[in-house]
Amino acid sequence: MSQWWKMISAGLIGGAISLAGAYVINSNNFDASPAATEIPVRQVNLQPSAVATLAAPTFDFKAAALRATPSVVHISATTRSGGNDNSPLRFFFDEDSPFGGPGGGTGSGVIYSADGYIITNNHVVKNAETVTVTLNDNRKFTAEVVGTDEKVDLAVIKIEATNLPTLDVADSDQAEIGEWVLAVGNPLDLTSTVTAGIISAKGRSLELIPGRDAIESFLQTDAAVNPGNSGGALVDAEGRLLGINTAIATRTGMFQGYSFAIPVNLVTRIADDIIEFGSFQRAFLGVSIYPLDADAATELGVDINQGVVIDELVDGGSAQYAGLLPRDIIVKVDERPIRDVPELTEMVGRSKVGDVLQITVLRKGEQVELPVRMRAQ
């Protein structure tokens, strides 16, 4: 029995010694490297703000659509036989359109003034014998064509009405690629239809309008536009008028990804003239031009690849009187950079006879600014 107790006592003493030794060793390790045992502490409960959620959009299009739709009208026209056969935009609106009746078709328009002036496309009302306008509230009016301009594809019509809803006007020069826009109109005879997209390019020329004096500088968007949308509104996210929907890039006559609108800064310039004078009082620069590209830059010996080259001058034209010369490269008009022909034609088209444009050209490697007083052709 005593032997048994001796064994137990020995075991207890040995265990105590081992524990004491381990304590001493671990104490030394902590002292030598305290950072090695520091464990970061963090809360494991999730705060409400840390819970993954779908980000709420900063805006939606309800307010913009609500503002825009009352100002966009439905237009129905009866045309003379064969009236639009040669129009490159006729798939939008003519007697061949599957969305209009015999000898006519439908399109859209934007109320420009509370007393009944409405903007639309020229190809919507071209050669029309009768034009009927249906407002968003279903009131119908017979409209008079006040004036048209086929070189820009714009028209102004008039109905006898008052207190009509109008849109605030945006600044299309300030519109940016990637900006949200809405197309409002009557595609496929579906009244008051709204589609959304972004501006995908600016200053786009499609060479749809015949003639060297055509003005094409479209806002390109991916908002869905179809036959019947012509003449309708392109509006920004605040519901302000940004352009007039005019064309689509298509091989089928239906929307295939891109649509094109005349920028509102050009629209209002032309509409105001038509309302005041019955036609667009256009000023001309009096030049033959071509775009500056890499090949032209090499030929001209310049180190830029964007601009518009003057090829020839028209005798007695605005450019000749101002001292512009062949081989001058136009790079700026009134502080707006000019990268291609559509941008120049838009700026010139927005000017009035008698206006002075400050045109900056690159001439023999130096920038020269010349005041150009705009003249009629």
Protein backbone atom coordinates (compact mmCIF):
# COMPACT_ATOMS: atom_id res chain seq x y z
CA MET A 1 0.00 0.00 0.00
CA SER A 2 2.76 2.42 0.92
CA GLN A 3 4.43 1.50 -2.36
CA TRP A 4 1.27 2.47 -4.21
CA TRP A 5 1.14 5.90 -2.56
CA LYS A 6 4.77 6.48 -3.38
CA MET A 7 4.04 5.90 -7.08
CA ILE A 8 1.07 8.28 -7.06
CA SER A 9 3.08 10.96 -5.24
CA ALA A 10 5.92 10.64 -7.73
CA GLY A 11 3.49 11.06 -10.64
CA LEU A 12 1.92 14.13 -9.15
CA ILE A 13 5.29 15.75 -8.50
CA GLY A 14 6.50 15.00 -12.07
CA GLY A 15 3.38 16.45 -13.61
CA ALA A 16 3.72 19.58 -11.55
CA ILE A 17 7.31 20.01 -12.68
CA SER A 18 6.33 19.54 -16.34
CA LEU A 19 3.58 22.13 -16.10
CA ALA A 20 5.90 24.60 -14.45
CA GLY A 21 8.49 24.10 -17.19
CA ALA A 22 5.98 24.58 -19.94
CA TYR A 23 4.78 27.80 -18.33
CA VAL A 24 8.33 29.14 -18.16
CA ILE A 25 9.02 28.27 -21.83
CA ASN A 26 5.76 29.86 -23.07
CA SER A 27 6.36 32.92 -20.91
CA ASN A 28 9.77 33.38 -22.54
CA ASN A 29 8.25 33.05 -26.03
CA PHE A 30 5.61 35.72 -25.31
CA ASP A 31 8.28 38.08 -24.03
CA ALA A 32 10.55 37.49 -27.04
CA SER A 33 7.87 37.97 -29.71
CA PRO A 34 4.70 39.53 -28.41
CA ALA A 35 3.44 40.33 -31.91
CA ALA A 36 3.47 36.67 -32.86
CA THR A 37 0.56 35.95 -30.58
CA GLU A 38 -1.52 39.06 -31.24
CA ILE A 39 -4.75 37.99 -32.91
CA PRO A 40 -6.83 40.71 -34.63
CA VAL A 41 -10.26 41.05 -33.14
CA ARG A 42 -13.28 41.99 -35.26
CA GLN A 43 -17.00 42.04 -34.79
CA VAL A 44 -18.78 39.17 -36.44
CA ASN A 45 -22.30 40.55 -36.33
CA LEU A 46 -23.41 42.21 -39.61
CA GLN A 47 -24.55 45.79 -39.47
CA PRO A 48 -27.58 46.67 -41.63
CA SER A 49 -25.44 48.86 -43.91
CA ALA A 50 -23.12 45.96 -44.62
CA VAL A 51 -25.86 43.70 -45.95
CA ALA A 52 -25.52 43.22 -49.71
CA THR A 53 -28.38 44.94 -51.53
CA LEU A 54 -29.09 46.06 -55.07
CA ALA A 55 -28.12 49.71 -55.45
CA ALA A 56 -31.14 51.93 -55.98
CA PRO A 57 -30.91 54.01 -59.19
CA THR A 58 -30.18 57.68 -58.69
CA PHE A 59 -33.12 58.53 -60.98
CA ASP A 60 -35.76 56.93 -63.13
CA PHE A 61 -37.58 58.07 -66.24
CA LYS A 62 -41.10 58.45 -64.85
CA ALA A 63 -40.89 62.22 -64.39
CA ALA A 64 -39.22 62.76 -67.78
CA ALA A 65 -41.84 60.64 -69.56
CA LEU A 66 -44.64 62.44 -67.72
CA ARG A 67 -43.28 65.81 -68.86
CA ALA A 68 -42.63 64.77 -72.46
CA THR A 69 -45.64 62.73 -73.58
CA PRO A 70 -48.27 65.54 -73.46
CA SER A 71 -46.17 67.61 -75.88
CA VAL A 72 -45.74 64.88 -78.51
CA VAL A 73 -48.50 64.56 -81.09
CA HIS A 74 -49.62 61.99 -83.62
CA ILE A 75 -49.60 63.16 -87.26
CA SER A 76 -51.57 61.56 -90.06
CA ALA A 77 -51.26 62.83 -93.61
CA THR A 78 -52.88 62.15 -96.93
CA THR A 79 -50.37 62.56 -99.74
CA ARG A 80 -50.58 62.97 -103.46
CA SER A 81 -49.83 59.82 -105.41
CA GLY A 82 -46.09 59.24 -105.80
CA GLY A 83 -45.29 62.15 -103.49
CA ASN A 84 -42.47 60.50 -101.58
CA ASP A 85 -41.15 57.88 -103.97
CA ASN A 86 -37.67 59.40 -104.14
CA SER A 87 -37.20 60.14 -100.43
CA PRO A 88 -34.31 58.21 -98.83
CA LEU A 89 -36.29 58.37 -95.60
CA ARG A 90 -39.54 57.07 -97.05
CA PHE A 91 -39.60 53.85 -95.04
CA PHE A 92 -40.58 56.11 -92.12
CA PHE A 93 -43.57 57.63 -93.79
CA ASP A 94 -45.14 57.31 -97.23
CA GLU A 95 -47.75 55.47 -99.24
CA ASP A 96 -45.60 52.31 -99.16
CA SER A 97 -45.62 52.31 -95.39
CA PRO A 98 -47.49 49.31 -93.96
CA PHE A 99 -48.49 51.49 -91.00
CA GLY A 100 -50.53 54.10 -92.87
CA GLY A 101 -53.62 54.01 -95.02
CA PRO A 102 -53.77 54.27 -98.81
CA GLY A 103 -51.95 57.36 -100.03
CA GLY A 104 -50.84 58.37 -96.57
CA GLY A 105 -49.03 57.47 -93.41
CA THR A 106 -48.41 58.47 -89.84
CA GLY A 107 -45.65 60.17 -87.92
CA SER A 108 -45.03 62.29 -84.84
CA GLY A 109 -44.51 65.92 -83.95
CA VAL A 110 -43.47 68.07 -80.99
CA ILE A 111 -45.52 71.05 -79.81
CA TYR A 112 -43.16 74.02 -80.03
CA SER A 113 -45.41 76.82 -78.82
CA ALA A 114 -48.55 77.02 -76.72
CA ASP A 115 -50.43 78.65 -79.61
CA GLY A 116 -50.15 75.65 -81.93
CA TYR A 117 -46.82 75.57 -83.78
CA ILE A 118 -45.56 71.98 -84.07
CA ILE A 119 -42.17 70.72 -85.28
CA THR A 120 -41.88 67.53 -87.30
CA ASN A 121 -39.78 66.10 -90.13
CA ASN A 122 -40.11 67.28 -93.70
CA HIS A 123 -40.52 63.69 -94.88
CA VAL A 124 -43.55 63.30 -92.61
CA VAL A 125 -45.57 66.05 -94.32
CA LYS A 126 -43.89 66.25 -97.72
CA ASN A 127 -46.48 66.62 -100.50
CA ALA A 128 -49.31 66.22 -97.99
CA GLU A 129 -52.76 67.31 -99.10
CA THR A 130 -54.25 67.09 -95.61
CA VAL A 131 -52.52 66.84 -92.25
CA THR A 132 -54.38 65.72 -89.13
CA VAL A 133 -52.90 66.17 -85.67
CA THR A 134 -54.09 64.17 -82.67
CA LEU A 135 -53.03 65.46 -79.28
CA ASN A 136 -52.16 63.32 -76.29
CA ASP A 137 -55.63 64.03 -74.88
CA ASN A 138 -57.21 62.70 -78.13
CA ARG A 139 -58.31 66.09 -79.49
CA LYS A 140 -57.97 66.25 -83.29
CA PHE A 141 -57.09 69.24 -85.47
CA THR A 142 -56.47 69.85 -89.15
CA ALA A 143 -53.01 71.38 -89.50
CA GLU A 144 -51.50 73.83 -91.97
CA VAL A 145 -47.94 73.32 -93.22
CA VAL A 146 -46.19 76.62 -92.39
CA GLY A 147 -42.86 75.76 -94.01
CA THR A 148 -40.33 73.01 -94.64
CA ASP A 149 -36.62 72.57 -95.29
CA GLU A 150 -35.65 69.38 -97.07
CA LYS A 151 -31.91 69.98 -96.65
CA VAL A 152 -32.29 69.50 -92.89
CA ASP A 153 -35.48 67.39 -93.04
CA LEU A 154 -37.50 69.67 -90.78
CA ALA A 155 -40.98 71.16 -91.04
CA VAL A 156 -43.28 73.36 -88.98
CA ILE A 157 -47.05 72.88 -89.01
CA LYS A 158 -49.75 74.89 -87.22
CA ILE A 159 -53.04 74.03 -85.54
CA GLU A 160 -55.60 76.48 -84.18
CA ALA A 161 -55.34 75.87 -80.44
CA THR A 162 -54.17 77.63 -77.30
CA ASN A 163 -52.63 76.71 -73.94
CA LEU A 164 -50.91 73.68 -75.38
CA PRO A 165 -48.22 71.90 -73.33
CA THR A 166 -44.62 72.56 -74.41
CA LEU A 167 -41.23 71.22 -73.42
CA ASP A 168 -38.27 73.01 -71.94
CA VAL A 169 -35.38 73.03 -74.41
CA ALA A 170 -32.00 71.50 -73.54
CA ASP A 171 -28.61 72.53 -74.94
CA SER A 172 -27.61 69.84 -77.42
CA ASP A 173 -24.03 71.15 -77.47
CA GLN A 174 -23.73 70.08 -73.84
CA ALA A 175 -25.15 66.58 -74.41
CA GLU A 176 -22.56 63.90 -73.67
CA ILE A 177 -21.93 60.42 -75.01
CA GLY A 178 -23.30 57.93 -72.51
CA GLU A 179 -26.09 60.28 -71.36
CA TRP A 180 -29.53 58.72 -70.90
CA VAL A 181 -32.23 59.82 -73.34
CA LEU A 182 -35.85 58.95 -74.14
CA ALA A 183 -37.49 58.70 -77.55
CA VAL A 184 -41.16 59.71 -77.45
CA GLY A 185 -43.47 59.21 -80.41
CA ASN A 186 -45.95 57.00 -82.20
CA PRO A 187 -44.05 54.03 -83.68
CA LEU A 188 -46.03 51.56 -85.76
CA ASP A 189 -49.14 53.67 -85.02
CA LEU A 190 -48.77 52.93 -81.28
CA THR A 191 -49.53 56.31 -79.74
CA SER A 192 -47.56 57.86 -76.87
CA THR A 193 -44.75 55.31 -76.77
CA VAL A 194 -41.58 55.93 -74.74
CA THR A 195 -38.28 54.08 -75.20
CA ALA A 196 -34.94 54.63 -73.45
CA GLY A 197 -31.30 54.50 -74.48
CA ILE A 198 -28.08 56.48 -74.35
CA ILE A 199 -26.34 58.89 -76.68
CA SER A 200 -23.85 56.70 -78.48
CA ALA A 201 -22.30 59.31 -80.79
CA LYS A 202 -22.59 62.97 -81.80
CA GLY A 203 -22.12 64.77 -85.10
CA ARG A 204 -23.05 61.71 -87.15
CA SER A 205 -23.63 62.04 -90.90
CA LEU A 206 -25.52 59.30 -92.77
CA GLU A 207 -25.56 60.98 -96.21
CA LEU A 208 -29.30 60.36 -96.38
CA ILE A 209 -30.25 63.83 -97.56
CA PRO A 210 -29.15 64.45 -101.15
CA GLY A 211 -27.01 67.41 -102.14
CA ARG A 212 -23.73 68.88 -100.92
CA ASP A 213 -25.61 71.57 -99.02
CA ALA A 214 -27.46 69.09 -96.79
CA ILE A 215 -27.00 69.55 -93.04
CA GLU A 216 -26.53 66.27 -91.21
CA SER A 217 -25.08 66.28 -87.71
CA PHE A 218 -27.23 63.74 -85.90
CA LEU A 219 -27.26 62.67 -82.28
CA GLN A 220 -26.93 58.88 -82.46
CA THR A 221 -28.71 56.85 -79.78
CA ASP A 222 -29.67 53.26 -79.09
CA ALA A 223 -33.22 54.17 -78.03
CA ALA A 224 -35.63 52.06 -80.08
CA VAL A 225 -37.15 54.09 -82.92
CA ASN A 226 -39.40 52.70 -85.66
CA PRO A 227 -41.54 54.01 -88.52
CA GLY A 228 -43.95 56.50 -86.99
CA ASN A 229 -41.37 57.89 -84.56
CA SER A 230 -40.22 60.40 -87.18
CA GLY A 231 -40.73 63.95 -85.97
CA GLY A 232 -41.07 62.88 -82.34
CA ALA A 233 -39.07 64.04 -79.37
CA LEU A 234 -35.69 62.94 -78.10
CA VAL A 235 -35.57 64.16 -74.50
CA ASP A 236 -32.97 64.06 -71.77
CA ALA A 237 -33.40 62.50 -68.34
CA GLU A 238 -35.03 65.71 -67.11
CA GLY A 239 -37.65 65.65 -69.86
CA ARG A 240 -36.15 68.54 -71.85
CA LEU A 241 -36.21 68.51 -75.65
CA LEU A 242 -32.82 67.42 -76.96
CA GLY A 243 -33.61 66.59 -80.59
CA ILE A 244 -36.12 65.51 -83.24
CA ASN A 245 -36.04 61.78 -84.06
CA THR A 246 -35.48 61.44 -87.79
CA ALA A 247 -33.86 58.21 -88.98
CA ILE A 248 -32.70 54.71 -88.10
CA ALA A 249 -29.84 52.57 -89.35
CA THR A 250 -31.64 49.61 -90.87
CA ARG A 251 -31.63 47.01 -93.60
CA THR A 252 -35.21 45.95 -92.95
CA GLY A 253 -37.03 49.25 -92.38
CA MET A 254 -37.32 48.41 -88.67
CA PHE A 255 -35.13 49.29 -85.70
CA GLN A 256 -31.82 47.40 -85.65
CA GLY A 257 -29.89 49.11 -82.91
CA TYR A 258 -29.29 52.79 -83.68
CA SER A 259 -31.47 55.83 -84.23
CA PHE A 260 -30.65 59.41 -85.16
CA ALA A 261 -32.05 62.76 -84.08
CA ILE A 262 -31.50 66.31 -85.30
CA PRO A 263 -29.96 68.24 -82.37
CA VAL A 264 -32.31 70.79 -80.83
CA ASN A 265 -29.90 73.73 -81.18
CA LEU A 266 -30.20 73.33 -84.95
CA VAL A 267 -33.93 72.54 -84.77
CA THR A 268 -34.86 75.73 -82.96
CA ARG A 269 -32.75 77.89 -85.27
CA ILE A 270 -34.62 76.55 -88.31
CA ALA A 271 -38.06 76.44 -86.69
CA ASP A 272 -37.80 80.06 -85.58
CA ASP A 273 -36.99 81.15 -89.14
CA ILE A 274 -39.86 79.13 -90.62
CA ILE A 275 -42.31 80.63 -88.13
CA GLU A 276 -41.07 84.19 -88.77
CA PHE A 277 -40.32 84.08 -92.51
CA GLY A 278 -41.99 80.92 -93.82
CA SER A 279 -38.64 79.35 -94.71
CA PHE A 280 -35.13 78.79 -93.36
CA GLN A 281 -33.02 81.92 -93.97
CA ARG A 282 -29.77 80.09 -94.43
CA ALA A 283 -26.28 81.53 -94.34
CA PHE A 284 -23.47 79.92 -96.35
CA LEU A 285 -19.75 79.76 -95.73
CA GLY A 286 -19.00 79.46 -99.45
CA VAL A 287 -16.44 76.65 -99.46
CA SER A 288 -15.86 73.19 -100.85
CA ILE A 289 -14.52 71.02 -98.03
CA TYR A 290 -13.41 67.53 -97.08
CA PRO A 291 -12.57 65.87 -93.74
CA LEU A 292 -8.99 65.75 -92.51
CA ASP A 293 -7.87 62.15 -92.05
CA ALA A 294 -4.48 60.50 -91.69
CA ASP A 295 -3.82 60.45 -95.45
CA ALA A 296 -4.82 64.08 -95.89
CA ALA A 297 -2.70 65.06 -92.89
CA THR A 298 0.34 63.42 -94.46
CA GLU A 299 -0.30 65.16 -97.76
CA LEU A 300 -0.70 68.54 -96.05
CA GLY A 301 2.28 67.96 -93.75
CA VAL A 302 0.39 68.54 -90.49
CA ASP A 303 0.53 66.63 -87.22
CA ILE A 304 -3.21 66.59 -86.51
CA ASN A 305 -5.78 64.11 -87.82
CA GLN A 306 -9.07 65.91 -87.13
CA GLY A 307 -10.52 68.99 -88.75
CA VAL A 308 -12.04 70.15 -92.04
CA VAL A 309 -9.91 71.10 -95.03
CA ILE A 310 -10.95 73.89 -97.37
CA ASP A 311 -10.60 72.63 -100.93
CA GLU A 312 -12.04 75.53 -102.93
CA LEU A 313 -13.65 78.91 -102.29
CA VAL A 314 -16.87 80.18 -103.84
CA ASP A 315 -16.38 83.55 -105.53
CA GLY A 316 -18.01 86.24 -103.45
CA GLY A 317 -18.72 83.86 -100.59
CA SER A 318 -18.35 84.50 -96.87
CA ALA A 319 -15.05 82.61 -96.63
CA GLN A 320 -13.42 84.45 -99.51
CA TYR A 321 -14.39 87.86 -98.14
CA ALA A 322 -12.98 86.90 -94.71
CA GLY A 323 -9.60 85.81 -96.09
CA LEU A 324 -9.86 82.04 -95.72
CA LEU A 325 -7.69 80.12 -98.19
CA PRO A 326 -7.61 76.72 -99.86
CA ARG A 327 -5.69 74.16 -97.76
CA ASP A 328 -6.67 75.99 -94.56
CA ILE A 329 -7.75 73.44 -91.95
CA ILE A 330 -10.75 74.57 -89.90
CA VAL A 331 -10.25 73.39 -86.31
CA LYS A 332 -12.60 75.62 -84.32
CA VAL A 333 -15.71 77.74 -84.71
CA ASP A 334 -16.65 80.10 -81.87
CA GLU A 335 -14.51 78.07 -79.42
CA ARG A 336 -16.21 74.81 -80.42
CA PRO A 337 -13.68 72.25 -81.68
CA ILE A 338 -14.37 71.06 -85.23
CA ARG A 339 -13.35 67.45 -85.79
CA ASP A 340 -15.35 66.54 -88.88
CA VAL A 341 -17.58 67.93 -91.61
CA PRO A 342 -20.95 67.40 -89.81
CA GLU A 343 -19.84 69.55 -86.88
CA LEU A 344 -18.88 72.38 -89.23
CA THR A 345 -22.07 72.19 -91.28
CA GLU A 346 -24.15 72.26 -88.08
CA MET A 347 -22.37 75.34 -86.72
CA VAL A 348 -22.66 77.16 -90.06
CA GLY A 349 -26.29 76.06 -90.40
CA ARG A 350 -27.12 77.54 -87.00
CA SER A 351 -25.71 80.94 -87.96
CA LYS A 352 -27.80 83.75 -89.40
CA VAL A 353 -27.07 86.04 -92.31
CA GLY A 354 -25.02 88.88 -90.83
CA ASP A 355 -23.66 86.84 -87.91
CA VAL A 356 -19.89 86.88 -87.40
CA LEU A 357 -18.31 83.49 -86.72
CA GLN A 358 -14.84 83.34 -85.22
CA ILE A 359 -13.23 80.60 -87.32
CA THR A 360 -9.84 79.21 -86.31
CA VAL A 361 -7.76 77.55 -89.03
CA LEU A 362 -4.42 75.82 -89.11
CA ARG A 363 -2.36 77.53 -91.82
CA LYS A 364 1.26 76.61 -92.49
CA GLY A 365 1.59 75.11 -89.03
CA GLU A 366 0.13 78.08 -87.14
CA GLN A 367 -3.37 78.73 -85.83
CA VAL A 368 -5.03 81.79 -87.30
CA GLU A 369 -8.38 83.16 -86.09
CA LEU A 370 -10.50 85.04 -88.61
CA PRO A 371 -13.87 86.77 -88.16
CA VAL A 372 -16.22 85.60 -90.90
CA ARG A 373 -19.39 87.58 -91.58
CA MET A 374 -22.00 85.16 -92.86
CA ARG A 375 -23.67 85.92 -96.19
CA ALA A 376 -26.59 84.44 -98.05
CA GLN A 377 -25.74 82.23 -101.00
